[in-house]
Amino acid sequence: MSSASALARPTLLPARADLCIDYANTLYWRGTEQTTEELHGLDDVLAWQETKQVMPADIVAAMKAWWDERPRQADGAFAEARSLREALYRIFSATAVGATPAVADIEALNQALAHTPPRTQLRHTDTGYAWQVAKLRPAVNDLLAPVLWSAADLLTNARLARVRRCANDKCLYLFVDDSRNGTRRWCSMSMCGNRAKAHRHYAKSKQG
C-alpha cells in the first residue's frame, strides 16, 4: 500500500483522556538545568505515536515516508509539534496549581484543534470506542489529533481538578491523580517521593 493510499482511507484514532499529559511529559526533569528530552526530531514524534498506539503503524509509516522526502517541511513540522507540546505543558501545569492558563496557550490549542480532522463518527473496537476519520494528511494537526482532542476533553471534564504537578521541584512531571482521596503529591513514590524523604532526613540531621 502506498503512503498516499494509506492516508486516504478511513482510520480509527483512540480517544484516550490522558494522552495530552503523556505527550507534555516527553520533556521531563523540568526543574533542573539539565532537562531530559525524548523528542529530538520528527522521527521521535512518529515513534512516540506508534509506541503509545496513537496511530496505526501503517499511517505512521506513510507520514514518515512523506516527510522523509521533504526534510525542510519535516523540520517545520517538528518545531510545530514541540511548540504544541510546550503549550500543553504550560496549560496543564497552570491548572495543576490552580492558575489560569495563558490566553496565548489556549489560543494555540484552539488553532490546532480547528485544523484537526473532524471527529463525527464513533466506532466500536476490541478495546472500547475510537473516532473514525475519513482520511489523514501529512500535517502536525492530523498527526497529533488524538493528543489535541484529549487536551480539549480533559479541559472540559471534571477530571481536570485531578491534574497534578509533581511536588518535587526538580521533577515537575504532570499526572492525573486517580487516588481515592485525591491527595497524591508525587509522580512516582519510588522516583520522587523517596528522594524527597531522603532530602528531608538529611536536612533534619544537619540541623541537629
N, C-alpha and C. Protein backbone atom coordinates (compact mmCIF):
# COMPACT_ATOMS: atom_id res chain seq x y z
N MET A 1 0.85 -1.19 0.00
CA MET A 1 0.00 0.00 0.00
C MET A 1 0.88 1.24 0.00
N SER A 2 0.61 2.19 -0.90
CA SER A 2 1.41 3.41 -0.96
C SER A 2 1.07 4.31 0.21
N SER A 3 1.99 5.27 0.48
CA SER A 3 1.74 6.20 1.58
C SER A 3 0.49 7.03 1.31
N ALA A 4 0.26 7.39 0.04
CA ALA A 4 -0.91 8.21 -0.29
C ALA A 4 -2.20 7.45 -0.03
N SER A 5 -2.25 6.16 -0.43
CA SER A 5 -3.47 5.39 -0.23
C SER A 5 -3.71 5.08 1.24
N ALA A 6 -2.63 4.91 2.00
CA ALA A 6 -2.78 4.66 3.44
C ALA A 6 -3.42 5.85 4.14
N LEU A 7 -3.01 7.05 3.75
CA LEU A 7 -3.53 8.24 4.39
C LEU A 7 -4.94 8.58 3.92
N ALA A 8 -5.33 8.09 2.76
CA ALA A 8 -6.63 8.44 2.19
C ALA A 8 -7.77 7.57 2.70
N ARG A 9 -7.46 6.46 3.36
CA ARG A 9 -8.52 5.56 3.80
C ARG A 9 -9.03 5.96 5.18
N PRO A 10 -10.27 5.55 5.53
CA PRO A 10 -10.78 5.81 6.89
C PRO A 10 -9.87 5.19 7.95
N THR A 11 -9.67 5.91 9.03
CA THR A 11 -8.74 5.47 10.07
C THR A 11 -9.38 5.64 11.44
N LEU A 12 -9.15 4.69 12.32
CA LEU A 12 -9.64 4.77 13.69
C LEU A 12 -8.55 5.37 14.58
N LEU A 13 -8.92 6.40 15.33
CA LEU A 13 -7.99 7.05 16.24
C LEU A 13 -8.54 6.97 17.66
N PRO A 14 -7.68 6.69 18.64
CA PRO A 14 -8.15 6.47 20.01
C PRO A 14 -8.64 7.76 20.67
N ALA A 15 -9.45 7.58 21.70
CA ALA A 15 -9.94 8.72 22.49
C ALA A 15 -9.48 8.54 23.92
N ARG A 16 -8.18 8.68 24.15
CA ARG A 16 -7.60 8.50 25.48
C ARG A 16 -7.49 9.83 26.20
N ALA A 17 -8.13 9.93 27.36
CA ALA A 17 -8.25 11.21 28.04
C ALA A 17 -6.91 11.77 28.51
N ASP A 18 -5.96 10.91 28.89
CA ASP A 18 -4.70 11.40 29.47
C ASP A 18 -3.57 11.51 28.45
N LEU A 19 -3.87 11.31 27.18
CA LEU A 19 -2.82 11.29 26.17
C LEU A 19 -2.05 12.61 26.10
N CYS A 20 -2.75 13.71 26.30
CA CYS A 20 -2.10 15.02 26.27
C CYS A 20 -1.07 15.16 27.39
N ILE A 21 -1.35 14.55 28.54
CA ILE A 21 -0.41 14.59 29.66
C ILE A 21 0.83 13.78 29.32
N ASP A 22 0.64 12.61 28.72
CA ASP A 22 1.78 11.79 28.29
C ASP A 22 2.67 12.56 27.32
N TYR A 23 2.04 13.25 26.40
CA TYR A 23 2.81 13.99 25.39
C TYR A 23 3.56 15.16 26.03
N ALA A 24 2.90 15.88 26.93
CA ALA A 24 3.56 17.00 27.62
C ALA A 24 4.77 16.53 28.41
N ASN A 25 4.73 15.30 28.89
CA ASN A 25 5.82 14.75 29.71
C ASN A 25 6.97 14.16 28.90
N THR A 26 6.96 14.36 27.59
CA THR A 26 8.11 13.87 26.80
C THR A 26 9.35 14.74 27.00
N LEU A 27 9.19 15.86 27.67
CA LEU A 27 10.33 16.60 28.24
C LEU A 27 10.13 16.54 29.75
N TYR A 28 11.12 16.03 30.47
CA TYR A 28 10.93 15.90 31.91
C TYR A 28 12.17 16.29 32.68
N TRP A 29 12.03 16.22 34.00
CA TRP A 29 13.01 16.78 34.93
C TRP A 29 13.17 18.27 34.62
N ARG A 30 12.00 18.93 34.48
CA ARG A 30 11.93 20.32 34.02
C ARG A 30 12.45 21.32 35.05
N GLY A 31 12.57 20.92 36.30
CA GLY A 31 13.04 21.83 37.32
C GLY A 31 14.55 21.89 37.44
N THR A 32 15.25 21.28 36.51
CA THR A 32 16.71 21.27 36.55
C THR A 32 17.27 21.97 35.32
N GLU A 33 18.54 22.31 35.38
CA GLU A 33 19.18 22.91 34.21
C GLU A 33 19.36 21.89 33.10
N GLN A 34 19.46 20.61 33.48
CA GLN A 34 19.68 19.54 32.51
C GLN A 34 18.39 18.74 32.36
N THR A 35 17.46 19.24 31.54
CA THR A 35 16.21 18.53 31.32
C THR A 35 16.47 17.29 30.46
N THR A 36 15.52 16.38 30.48
CA THR A 36 15.62 15.16 29.68
C THR A 36 14.61 15.24 28.55
N GLU A 37 15.11 15.23 27.33
CA GLU A 37 14.28 15.40 26.14
C GLU A 37 14.14 14.07 25.41
N GLU A 38 12.90 13.66 25.14
CA GLU A 38 12.65 12.44 24.39
C GLU A 38 12.50 12.68 22.89
N LEU A 39 12.18 13.92 22.52
CA LEU A 39 11.89 14.22 21.13
C LEU A 39 13.01 15.07 20.52
N HIS A 40 13.82 14.46 19.68
CA HIS A 40 14.94 15.17 19.07
C HIS A 40 14.72 15.43 17.59
N GLY A 41 13.67 14.90 17.05
CA GLY A 41 13.35 15.10 15.65
C GLY A 41 11.97 14.53 15.37
N LEU A 42 11.47 14.77 14.17
CA LEU A 42 10.13 14.31 13.84
C LEU A 42 10.02 12.78 13.91
N ASP A 43 11.10 12.08 13.61
CA ASP A 43 11.07 10.61 13.73
C ASP A 43 10.73 10.18 15.16
N ASP A 44 11.20 10.95 16.15
CA ASP A 44 10.90 10.61 17.54
C ASP A 44 9.42 10.83 17.85
N VAL A 45 8.83 11.88 17.28
CA VAL A 45 7.40 12.13 17.47
C VAL A 45 6.60 10.97 16.85
N LEU A 46 7.01 10.56 15.65
CA LEU A 46 6.34 9.44 14.99
C LEU A 46 6.51 8.15 15.78
N ALA A 47 7.70 7.91 16.31
CA ALA A 47 7.94 6.71 17.11
C ALA A 47 7.11 6.73 18.39
N TRP A 48 6.98 7.91 19.00
CA TRP A 48 6.16 8.04 20.21
C TRP A 48 4.71 7.68 19.90
N GLN A 49 4.22 8.16 18.75
CA GLN A 49 2.84 7.85 18.34
C GLN A 49 2.64 6.33 18.24
N GLU A 50 3.61 5.65 17.64
CA GLU A 50 3.48 4.22 17.46
C GLU A 50 3.59 3.49 18.79
N THR A 51 4.53 3.91 19.64
CA THR A 51 4.71 3.28 20.95
C THR A 51 3.45 3.39 21.80
N LYS A 52 2.83 4.56 21.77
CA LYS A 52 1.62 4.81 22.56
C LYS A 52 0.36 4.30 21.87
N GLN A 53 0.53 3.71 20.68
CA GLN A 53 -0.59 3.19 19.89
C GLN A 53 -1.62 4.28 19.60
N VAL A 54 -1.09 5.47 19.30
CA VAL A 54 -1.94 6.61 18.96
C VAL A 54 -2.39 6.51 17.52
N MET A 55 -1.49 6.06 16.66
CA MET A 55 -1.77 5.93 15.23
C MET A 55 -1.45 4.50 14.78
N PRO A 56 -2.22 3.98 13.82
CA PRO A 56 -1.86 2.67 13.25
C PRO A 56 -0.46 2.73 12.63
N ALA A 57 0.25 1.60 12.68
CA ALA A 57 1.64 1.57 12.22
C ALA A 57 1.76 1.97 10.75
N ASP A 58 0.79 1.58 9.92
CA ASP A 58 0.91 1.92 8.50
C ASP A 58 0.72 3.41 8.26
N ILE A 59 -0.07 4.06 9.11
CA ILE A 59 -0.26 5.50 8.98
C ILE A 59 1.03 6.23 9.40
N VAL A 60 1.62 5.76 10.48
CA VAL A 60 2.90 6.34 10.93
C VAL A 60 3.94 6.18 9.82
N ALA A 61 4.00 5.00 9.22
CA ALA A 61 4.97 4.76 8.15
C ALA A 61 4.70 5.65 6.94
N ALA A 62 3.43 5.87 6.63
CA ALA A 62 3.07 6.70 5.48
C ALA A 62 3.47 8.15 5.72
N MET A 63 3.22 8.64 6.93
CA MET A 63 3.61 10.02 7.24
C MET A 63 5.13 10.16 7.24
N LYS A 64 5.82 9.17 7.77
CA LYS A 64 7.29 9.21 7.78
C LYS A 64 7.84 9.25 6.36
N ALA A 65 7.28 8.41 5.50
CA ALA A 65 7.74 8.39 4.11
C ALA A 65 7.53 9.74 3.44
N TRP A 66 6.38 10.35 3.70
CA TRP A 66 6.08 11.65 3.09
C TRP A 66 7.07 12.71 3.57
N TRP A 67 7.33 12.75 4.88
CA TRP A 67 8.24 13.77 5.43
C TRP A 67 9.70 13.46 5.10
N ASP A 68 10.05 12.19 4.96
CA ASP A 68 11.43 11.85 4.60
C ASP A 68 11.80 12.45 3.25
N GLU A 69 10.82 12.60 2.38
CA GLU A 69 11.07 13.17 1.05
C GLU A 69 11.06 14.70 1.07
N ARG A 70 10.69 15.28 2.20
CA ARG A 70 10.56 16.73 2.33
C ARG A 70 11.20 17.19 3.65
N PRO A 71 12.52 17.11 3.75
CA PRO A 71 13.19 17.39 5.03
C PRO A 71 12.94 18.78 5.58
N ARG A 72 12.82 19.78 4.72
CA ARG A 72 12.58 21.14 5.23
C ARG A 72 11.20 21.23 5.86
N GLN A 73 10.21 20.61 5.24
CA GLN A 73 8.88 20.60 5.82
C GLN A 73 8.85 19.77 7.10
N ALA A 74 9.66 18.72 7.14
CA ALA A 74 9.76 17.90 8.35
C ALA A 74 10.31 18.71 9.51
N ASP A 75 11.31 19.55 9.23
CA ASP A 75 11.89 20.39 10.29
C ASP A 75 10.84 21.35 10.84
N GLY A 76 10.04 21.94 9.94
CA GLY A 76 8.99 22.85 10.38
C GLY A 76 7.91 22.13 11.17
N ALA A 77 7.57 20.92 10.73
CA ALA A 77 6.56 20.13 11.43
C ALA A 77 7.03 19.76 12.83
N PHE A 78 8.32 19.42 12.95
CA PHE A 78 8.86 19.07 14.26
C PHE A 78 8.83 20.27 15.21
N ALA A 79 9.21 21.44 14.71
CA ALA A 79 9.17 22.65 15.54
C ALA A 79 7.75 22.92 16.01
N GLU A 80 6.78 22.71 15.14
CA GLU A 80 5.38 22.92 15.50
C GLU A 80 4.92 21.90 16.54
N ALA A 81 5.35 20.64 16.37
CA ALA A 81 4.97 19.59 17.31
C ALA A 81 5.51 19.86 18.71
N ARG A 82 6.74 20.35 18.79
CA ARG A 82 7.32 20.66 20.10
C ARG A 82 6.70 21.92 20.69
N SER A 83 6.37 22.88 19.84
CA SER A 83 5.72 24.10 20.33
C SER A 83 4.36 23.77 20.95
N LEU A 84 3.62 22.88 20.29
CA LEU A 84 2.33 22.46 20.85
C LEU A 84 2.52 21.70 22.16
N ARG A 85 3.55 20.88 22.22
CA ARG A 85 3.83 20.16 23.47
C ARG A 85 4.05 21.14 24.62
N GLU A 86 4.85 22.18 24.37
CA GLU A 86 5.14 23.15 25.43
C GLU A 86 3.90 23.93 25.83
N ALA A 87 3.04 24.25 24.87
CA ALA A 87 1.78 24.93 25.20
C ALA A 87 0.91 24.04 26.08
N LEU A 88 0.85 22.74 25.75
CA LEU A 88 0.07 21.81 26.56
C LEU A 88 0.65 21.70 27.96
N TYR A 89 1.97 21.63 28.06
CA TYR A 89 2.57 21.54 29.40
C TYR A 89 2.22 22.78 30.22
N ARG A 90 2.36 23.96 29.61
CA ARG A 90 2.06 25.19 30.37
C ARG A 90 0.59 25.24 30.77
N ILE A 91 -0.31 24.80 29.88
CA ILE A 91 -1.74 24.83 30.20
C ILE A 91 -2.03 23.95 31.41
N PHE A 92 -1.56 22.72 31.39
CA PHE A 92 -1.90 21.80 32.48
C PHE A 92 -1.04 22.00 33.72
N SER A 93 0.14 22.57 33.55
CA SER A 93 0.94 22.94 34.71
C SER A 93 0.24 24.07 35.47
N ALA A 94 -0.35 25.01 34.73
CA ALA A 94 -1.08 26.11 35.37
C ALA A 94 -2.31 25.59 36.10
N THR A 95 -3.11 24.76 35.43
CA THR A 95 -4.33 24.27 36.09
C THR A 95 -3.99 23.41 37.30
N ALA A 96 -2.84 22.72 37.25
CA ALA A 96 -2.44 21.86 38.37
C ALA A 96 -2.21 22.64 39.65
N VAL A 97 -1.83 23.91 39.52
CA VAL A 97 -1.57 24.72 40.71
C VAL A 97 -2.67 25.77 40.92
N GLY A 98 -3.80 25.59 40.27
CA GLY A 98 -4.94 26.47 40.47
C GLY A 98 -4.85 27.80 39.76
N ALA A 99 -3.97 27.89 38.76
CA ALA A 99 -3.83 29.13 37.99
C ALA A 99 -4.59 29.02 36.67
N THR A 100 -4.81 30.17 36.05
CA THR A 100 -5.47 30.19 34.74
C THR A 100 -4.42 30.13 33.64
N PRO A 101 -4.56 29.22 32.70
CA PRO A 101 -3.57 29.14 31.61
C PRO A 101 -3.51 30.44 30.82
N ALA A 102 -2.37 30.69 30.23
CA ALA A 102 -2.19 31.91 29.43
C ALA A 102 -3.13 31.87 28.22
N VAL A 103 -3.66 33.03 27.89
CA VAL A 103 -4.57 33.15 26.75
C VAL A 103 -3.88 32.66 25.48
N ALA A 104 -2.60 32.99 25.32
CA ALA A 104 -1.87 32.61 24.10
C ALA A 104 -1.78 31.09 23.97
N ASP A 105 -1.64 30.39 25.09
CA ASP A 105 -1.54 28.93 25.02
C ASP A 105 -2.88 28.30 24.66
N ILE A 106 -3.96 28.82 25.23
CA ILE A 106 -5.29 28.31 24.88
C ILE A 106 -5.58 28.61 23.41
N GLU A 107 -5.17 29.78 22.95
CA GLU A 107 -5.39 30.13 21.55
C GLU A 107 -4.60 29.20 20.63
N ALA A 108 -3.36 28.86 21.03
CA ALA A 108 -2.56 27.94 20.23
C ALA A 108 -3.25 26.58 20.13
N LEU A 109 -3.82 26.12 21.24
CA LEU A 109 -4.56 24.86 21.24
C LEU A 109 -5.80 24.96 20.36
N ASN A 110 -6.54 26.06 20.48
CA ASN A 110 -7.74 26.24 19.67
C ASN A 110 -7.42 26.26 18.18
N GLN A 111 -6.35 26.93 17.82
CA GLN A 111 -5.97 26.99 16.40
C GLN A 111 -5.61 25.61 15.88
N ALA A 112 -4.89 24.84 16.69
CA ALA A 112 -4.52 23.48 16.28
C ALA A 112 -5.76 22.60 16.16
N LEU A 113 -6.69 22.73 17.13
CA LEU A 113 -7.92 21.93 17.09
C LEU A 113 -8.76 22.24 15.86
N ALA A 114 -8.73 23.50 15.44
CA ALA A 114 -9.53 23.91 14.30
C ALA A 114 -9.09 23.23 13.01
N HIS A 115 -7.84 22.72 13.01
CA HIS A 115 -7.31 22.09 11.80
C HIS A 115 -7.11 20.59 11.93
N THR A 116 -7.66 20.00 13.00
CA THR A 116 -7.64 18.55 13.11
C THR A 116 -8.78 17.97 12.26
N PRO A 117 -8.69 16.69 11.90
CA PRO A 117 -9.80 16.08 11.15
C PRO A 117 -11.08 16.10 11.99
N PRO A 118 -12.23 16.32 11.37
CA PRO A 118 -13.48 16.31 12.14
C PRO A 118 -13.74 14.92 12.72
N ARG A 119 -14.10 14.87 13.99
CA ARG A 119 -14.43 13.58 14.62
C ARG A 119 -15.95 13.50 14.74
N THR A 120 -16.55 12.88 13.79
CA THR A 120 -18.02 12.86 13.72
C THR A 120 -18.60 11.46 13.88
N GLN A 121 -17.75 10.41 13.83
CA GLN A 121 -18.26 9.06 13.92
C GLN A 121 -17.46 8.23 14.92
N LEU A 122 -18.18 7.56 15.80
CA LEU A 122 -17.56 6.63 16.75
C LEU A 122 -17.70 5.21 16.22
N ARG A 123 -16.65 4.41 16.44
CA ARG A 123 -16.69 3.02 16.05
C ARG A 123 -16.24 2.15 17.22
N HIS A 124 -16.90 1.02 17.40
CA HIS A 124 -16.52 0.10 18.46
C HIS A 124 -15.30 -0.69 18.03
N THR A 125 -14.36 -0.87 18.97
CA THR A 125 -13.15 -1.65 18.71
C THR A 125 -13.00 -2.72 19.78
N ASP A 126 -11.95 -3.50 19.69
CA ASP A 126 -11.70 -4.55 20.69
C ASP A 126 -11.45 -3.98 22.07
N THR A 127 -11.01 -2.72 22.14
CA THR A 127 -10.66 -2.12 23.43
C THR A 127 -11.63 -1.01 23.86
N GLY A 128 -12.73 -0.85 23.14
CA GLY A 128 -13.68 0.20 23.50
C GLY A 128 -14.19 0.92 22.27
N TYR A 129 -14.07 2.24 22.28
CA TYR A 129 -14.52 3.04 21.15
C TYR A 129 -13.39 3.93 20.65
N ALA A 130 -13.45 4.27 19.38
CA ALA A 130 -12.46 5.15 18.77
C ALA A 130 -13.17 6.05 17.76
N TRP A 131 -12.53 7.15 17.44
CA TRP A 131 -13.06 8.06 16.43
C TRP A 131 -12.62 7.59 15.05
N GLN A 132 -13.56 7.56 14.11
CA GLN A 132 -13.20 7.26 12.74
C GLN A 132 -13.11 8.55 11.94
N VAL A 133 -11.97 8.78 11.31
CA VAL A 133 -11.80 9.94 10.44
C VAL A 133 -11.70 9.46 9.01
N ALA A 134 -12.22 10.26 8.09
CA ALA A 134 -12.29 9.84 6.69
C ALA A 134 -10.91 9.66 6.08
N LYS A 135 -9.99 10.58 6.39
CA LYS A 135 -8.63 10.48 5.88
C LYS A 135 -7.74 11.38 6.71
N LEU A 136 -6.44 11.17 6.60
CA LEU A 136 -5.46 11.98 7.32
C LEU A 136 -4.52 12.62 6.32
N ARG A 137 -3.99 13.77 6.72
CA ARG A 137 -2.99 14.46 5.90
C ARG A 137 -1.64 14.38 6.61
N PRO A 138 -0.55 14.49 5.86
CA PRO A 138 0.77 14.57 6.50
C PRO A 138 0.97 15.98 7.07
N ALA A 139 0.28 16.24 8.18
CA ALA A 139 0.30 17.55 8.83
C ALA A 139 0.33 17.32 10.34
N VAL A 140 0.96 18.23 11.06
CA VAL A 140 1.12 18.06 12.51
C VAL A 140 -0.23 17.98 13.20
N ASN A 141 -1.21 18.77 12.78
CA ASN A 141 -2.51 18.76 13.44
C ASN A 141 -3.22 17.42 13.26
N ASP A 142 -2.96 16.74 12.15
CA ASP A 142 -3.52 15.40 11.95
C ASP A 142 -2.73 14.37 12.74
N LEU A 143 -1.41 14.49 12.70
CA LEU A 143 -0.55 13.57 13.44
C LEU A 143 -0.85 13.60 14.93
N LEU A 144 -1.08 14.80 15.47
CA LEU A 144 -1.31 14.96 16.91
C LEU A 144 -2.79 15.07 17.26
N ALA A 145 -3.67 14.75 16.32
CA ALA A 145 -5.11 14.92 16.56
C ALA A 145 -5.58 14.26 17.86
N PRO A 146 -5.25 12.98 18.14
CA PRO A 146 -5.72 12.38 19.39
C PRO A 146 -5.18 13.10 20.63
N VAL A 147 -3.96 13.62 20.55
CA VAL A 147 -3.38 14.38 21.66
C VAL A 147 -4.16 15.66 21.88
N LEU A 148 -4.44 16.37 20.80
CA LEU A 148 -5.15 17.64 20.89
C LEU A 148 -6.59 17.42 21.35
N TRP A 149 -7.25 16.39 20.84
CA TRP A 149 -8.60 16.08 21.30
C TRP A 149 -8.61 15.78 22.80
N SER A 150 -7.62 15.03 23.25
CA SER A 150 -7.59 14.66 24.67
C SER A 150 -7.41 15.89 25.54
N ALA A 151 -6.62 16.86 25.05
CA ALA A 151 -6.43 18.09 25.82
C ALA A 151 -7.75 18.85 25.95
N ALA A 152 -8.49 18.96 24.86
CA ALA A 152 -9.78 19.65 24.90
C ALA A 152 -10.75 18.91 25.81
N ASP A 153 -10.76 17.58 25.71
CA ASP A 153 -11.68 16.79 26.54
C ASP A 153 -11.34 16.90 28.02
N LEU A 154 -10.05 16.88 28.34
CA LEU A 154 -9.64 16.97 29.73
C LEU A 154 -9.95 18.36 30.31
N LEU A 155 -9.74 19.39 29.52
CA LEU A 155 -10.01 20.75 29.99
C LEU A 155 -11.49 20.99 30.27
N THR A 156 -12.35 20.23 29.61
CA THR A 156 -13.80 20.42 29.78
C THR A 156 -14.42 19.32 30.64
N ASN A 157 -13.56 18.56 31.34
CA ASN A 157 -14.03 17.43 32.13
C ASN A 157 -13.73 17.67 33.60
N ALA A 158 -14.54 17.06 34.46
CA ALA A 158 -14.33 17.20 35.91
C ALA A 158 -12.96 16.67 36.35
N ARG A 159 -12.38 15.77 35.56
CA ARG A 159 -11.07 15.21 35.92
C ARG A 159 -9.96 16.27 35.87
N LEU A 160 -10.23 17.42 35.27
CA LEU A 160 -9.23 18.48 35.24
C LEU A 160 -8.78 18.83 36.66
N ALA A 161 -9.70 18.77 37.61
CA ALA A 161 -9.37 19.07 39.01
C ALA A 161 -8.41 18.05 39.61
N ARG A 162 -8.21 16.93 38.92
CA ARG A 162 -7.30 15.89 39.40
C ARG A 162 -5.91 15.98 38.76
N VAL A 163 -5.72 16.93 37.87
CA VAL A 163 -4.41 17.09 37.25
C VAL A 163 -3.45 17.67 38.28
N ARG A 164 -2.30 17.05 38.44
CA ARG A 164 -1.31 17.47 39.43
C ARG A 164 0.05 17.67 38.75
N ARG A 165 0.89 18.44 39.43
CA ARG A 165 2.29 18.58 39.04
C ARG A 165 3.13 18.05 40.18
N CYS A 166 4.09 17.20 39.87
CA CYS A 166 4.88 16.55 40.91
C CYS A 166 5.44 17.58 41.89
N ALA A 167 5.33 17.27 43.19
CA ALA A 167 5.77 18.19 44.23
C ALA A 167 7.28 18.30 44.33
N ASN A 168 7.99 17.41 43.66
CA ASN A 168 9.45 17.52 43.59
C ASN A 168 9.78 18.65 42.62
N ASP A 169 10.36 19.74 43.13
CA ASP A 169 10.57 20.92 42.28
C ASP A 169 11.64 20.70 41.21
N LYS A 170 12.32 19.56 41.25
CA LYS A 170 13.25 19.23 40.18
C LYS A 170 12.57 18.39 39.09
N CYS A 171 11.46 17.78 39.43
CA CYS A 171 10.77 16.89 38.50
C CYS A 171 9.69 17.63 37.70
N LEU A 172 8.63 18.09 38.38
CA LEU A 172 7.53 18.85 37.78
C LEU A 172 6.77 18.06 36.71
N TYR A 173 6.81 16.75 36.82
CA TYR A 173 6.08 15.87 35.91
C TYR A 173 4.58 16.05 36.15
N LEU A 174 3.78 15.99 35.11
CA LEU A 174 2.33 16.11 35.24
C LEU A 174 1.71 14.71 35.36
N PHE A 175 0.63 14.61 36.10
CA PHE A 175 -0.10 13.35 36.19
C PHE A 175 -1.54 13.63 36.60
N VAL A 176 -2.40 12.67 36.37
CA VAL A 176 -3.79 12.75 36.83
C VAL A 176 -3.91 11.89 38.08
N ASP A 177 -4.32 12.51 39.16
CA ASP A 177 -4.39 11.83 40.46
C ASP A 177 -5.71 11.07 40.56
N ASP A 178 -5.65 9.77 40.35
CA ASP A 178 -6.84 8.94 40.46
C ASP A 178 -6.92 8.19 41.79
N SER A 179 -6.12 8.64 42.77
CA SER A 179 -6.19 8.02 44.09
C SER A 179 -7.54 8.33 44.73
N ARG A 180 -7.95 7.50 45.67
CA ARG A 180 -9.29 7.64 46.25
C ARG A 180 -9.49 8.99 46.92
N ASN A 181 -8.50 9.43 47.71
CA ASN A 181 -8.68 10.70 48.44
C ASN A 181 -8.14 11.91 47.68
N GLY A 182 -7.52 11.68 46.53
CA GLY A 182 -7.08 12.80 45.69
C GLY A 182 -5.97 13.63 46.29
N THR A 183 -5.10 13.02 47.10
CA THR A 183 -4.04 13.79 47.76
C THR A 183 -2.64 13.36 47.32
N ARG A 184 -2.54 12.65 46.23
CA ARG A 184 -1.23 12.22 45.74
C ARG A 184 -0.39 13.43 45.35
N ARG A 185 0.89 13.44 45.75
CA ARG A 185 1.75 14.59 45.50
C ARG A 185 2.89 14.29 44.54
N TRP A 186 3.24 13.03 44.40
CA TRP A 186 4.42 12.67 43.62
C TRP A 186 4.03 11.95 42.34
N CYS A 187 4.81 12.16 41.30
CA CYS A 187 4.53 11.43 40.06
C CYS A 187 4.75 9.94 40.27
N SER A 188 5.77 9.60 41.07
CA SER A 188 6.06 8.21 41.40
C SER A 188 6.76 8.20 42.75
N MET A 189 6.21 7.49 43.71
CA MET A 189 6.82 7.45 45.04
C MET A 189 8.24 6.91 44.97
N SER A 190 8.46 5.92 44.12
CA SER A 190 9.80 5.34 44.04
C SER A 190 10.81 6.33 43.47
N MET A 191 10.38 7.17 42.52
CA MET A 191 11.32 8.09 41.89
C MET A 191 11.47 9.40 42.66
N CYS A 192 10.34 9.98 43.05
CA CYS A 192 10.38 11.32 43.65
C CYS A 192 10.05 11.34 45.13
N GLY A 193 9.08 10.54 45.56
CA GLY A 193 8.69 10.56 46.96
C GLY A 193 9.84 10.13 47.87
N ASN A 194 10.48 9.03 47.54
CA ASN A 194 11.58 8.54 48.37
C ASN A 194 12.76 9.51 48.35
N ARG A 195 12.98 10.11 47.20
CA ARG A 195 14.08 11.07 47.08
C ARG A 195 13.81 12.29 47.98
N ALA A 196 12.56 12.74 47.99
CA ALA A 196 12.19 13.88 48.83
C ALA A 196 12.31 13.53 50.31
N LYS A 197 11.91 12.30 50.68
CA LYS A 197 12.03 11.87 52.08
C LYS A 197 13.49 11.85 52.52
N ALA A 198 14.35 11.36 51.66
CA ALA A 198 15.78 11.32 51.97
C ALA A 198 16.34 12.72 52.15
N HIS A 199 15.86 13.65 51.32
CA HIS A 199 16.34 15.03 51.42
C HIS A 199 15.91 15.66 52.75
N ARG A 200 14.65 15.41 53.16
CA ARG A 200 14.17 15.96 54.43
C ARG A 200 14.96 15.37 55.60
N HIS A 201 15.24 14.08 55.54
CA HIS A 201 16.01 13.42 56.60
C HIS A 201 17.41 14.03 56.69
N TYR A 202 18.01 14.28 55.56
CA TYR A 202 19.34 14.88 55.53
C TYR A 202 19.32 16.29 56.13
N ALA A 203 18.29 17.07 55.76
CA ALA A 203 18.18 18.44 56.28
C ALA A 203 18.01 18.42 57.79
N LYS A 204 17.21 17.49 58.31
CA LYS A 204 16.99 17.39 59.76
C LYS A 204 18.29 17.03 60.47
N SER A 205 19.02 16.10 59.91
CA SER A 205 20.26 15.67 60.55
C SER A 205 21.29 16.81 60.58
N LYS A 206 21.27 17.66 59.59
CA LYS A 206 22.20 18.80 59.56
C LYS A 206 21.82 19.82 60.62
N GLN A 207 20.48 19.98 60.84
CA GLN A 207 20.02 20.93 61.86
C GLN A 207 20.35 20.44 63.25
N GLY A 208 20.29 19.11 63.44
CA GLY A 208 20.57 18.54 64.75
C GLY A 208 22.04 18.64 65.09
